[in-house]
Amino acid sequence: MEFKKLEIKEEGNWIQRKLRNPHFRKTLIYMAIGAVGGFVFYYVSEGISRDVMPTGDIIQSVGVGAFLGFFITNSPCARGRC
């Protein structure tokens, strides 16, 4: 019996492996787009100056937008499992 030597490459740490993953990159991009979209929606719908806006409301709108971006890329239908 002959055995081949198994060569294992160094893959880097967890963050480097995640950043190389195309699905993770797509998720981050969609979350950023959703966060910007949430802020723009809040800014347009409220019709007030940015320096008068409550910080909590801005953070909430950005968070909801980022969640929608996350949901769009990670929902079962987005991954072809409907």
Protein backbone atom coordinates (compact mmCIF):
# COMPACT_ATOMS: atom_id res chain seq x y z
CA MET A 1 0.00 0.00 0.00
CA GLU A 2 1.24 3.43 -0.91
CA PHE A 3 0.10 6.59 0.76
CA LYS A 4 0.33 10.07 -0.63
CA LYS A 5 1.58 12.80 1.60
CA LEU A 6 -1.19 15.24 2.45
CA GLU A 7 -0.12 18.84 2.07
CA ILE A 8 -2.13 21.32 4.09
CA LYS A 9 -1.84 24.98 3.18
CA GLU A 10 -2.01 27.68 5.77
CA GLU A 11 -5.40 29.36 5.34
CA GLY A 12 -4.91 32.33 7.63
CA ASN A 13 -7.08 33.34 10.52
CA TRP A 14 -10.88 33.34 10.64
CA ILE A 15 -11.30 36.94 9.45
CA GLN A 16 -9.06 36.43 6.42
CA ARG A 17 -10.97 33.28 5.41
CA LYS A 18 -14.30 35.08 5.79
CA LEU A 19 -13.18 38.10 3.75
CA ARG A 20 -12.09 35.81 0.91
CA ASN A 21 -15.51 34.17 0.81
CA PRO A 22 -17.56 35.70 -2.05
CA HIS A 23 -20.89 35.21 -0.27
CA PHE A 24 -19.63 37.05 2.81
CA ARG A 25 -18.42 39.94 0.64
CA LYS A 26 -21.79 40.09 -1.10
CA THR A 27 -23.54 40.15 2.28
CA LEU A 28 -21.36 43.04 3.50
CA ILE A 29 -21.98 45.01 0.31
CA TYR A 30 -25.74 44.52 0.50
CA MET A 31 -25.77 45.44 4.20
CA ALA A 32 -23.87 48.67 3.43
CA ILE A 33 -26.27 49.49 0.59
CA GLY A 34 -29.22 48.76 2.88
CA ALA A 35 -27.79 50.96 5.64
CA VAL A 36 -27.30 53.87 3.25
CA GLY A 37 -30.78 53.27 1.85
CA GLY A 38 -32.24 53.30 5.35
CA PHE A 39 -30.60 56.62 6.11
CA VAL A 40 -31.72 58.14 2.79
CA PHE A 41 -35.27 56.93 3.37
CA TYR A 42 -35.32 58.43 6.87
CA TYR A 43 -33.82 61.70 5.62
CA VAL A 44 -36.33 62.03 2.76
CA SER A 45 -39.39 60.88 4.70
CA GLU A 46 -38.81 63.13 7.73
CA GLY A 47 -37.93 66.26 5.75
CA ILE A 48 -35.82 67.82 8.51
CA SER A 49 -32.24 69.00 8.59
CA ARG A 50 -29.58 66.43 9.45
CA ASP A 51 -28.31 68.34 12.49
CA VAL A 52 -31.82 68.30 14.04
CA MET A 53 -32.41 64.55 13.56
CA PRO A 54 -32.34 62.42 16.72
CA THR A 55 -29.38 60.04 16.69
CA GLY A 56 -31.46 57.12 17.92
CA ASP A 57 -33.84 57.38 14.97
CA ILE A 58 -30.95 57.53 12.52
CA ILE A 59 -29.34 54.44 14.05
CA GLN A 60 -32.65 52.59 13.97
CA SER A 61 -33.21 53.37 10.28
CA VAL A 62 -29.66 52.40 9.37
CA GLY A 63 -30.03 49.16 11.36
CA VAL A 64 -33.28 48.23 9.65
CA GLY A 65 -31.72 48.91 6.24
CA ALA A 66 -28.66 46.81 7.08
CA PHE A 67 -30.90 43.98 8.29
CA LEU A 68 -32.85 44.07 5.02
CA GLY A 69 -29.57 43.86 3.10
CA PHE A 70 -28.53 40.89 5.25
CA PHE A 71 -31.90 39.21 4.77
CA ILE A 72 -31.84 39.67 0.99
CA THR A 73 -28.52 37.82 0.67
CA ASN A 74 -29.13 35.13 3.30
CA SER A 75 -32.79 34.23 2.89
CA PRO A 76 -33.53 30.70 1.65
CA CYS A 77 -34.99 32.01 -1.60
CA ALA A 78 -31.86 34.07 -2.30
CA ARG A 79 -29.78 30.92 -2.00
CA GLY A 80 -32.04 28.84 -4.27
CA ARG A 81 -33.77 26.77 -1.57
CA CYS A 82 -37.39 27.87 -1.96
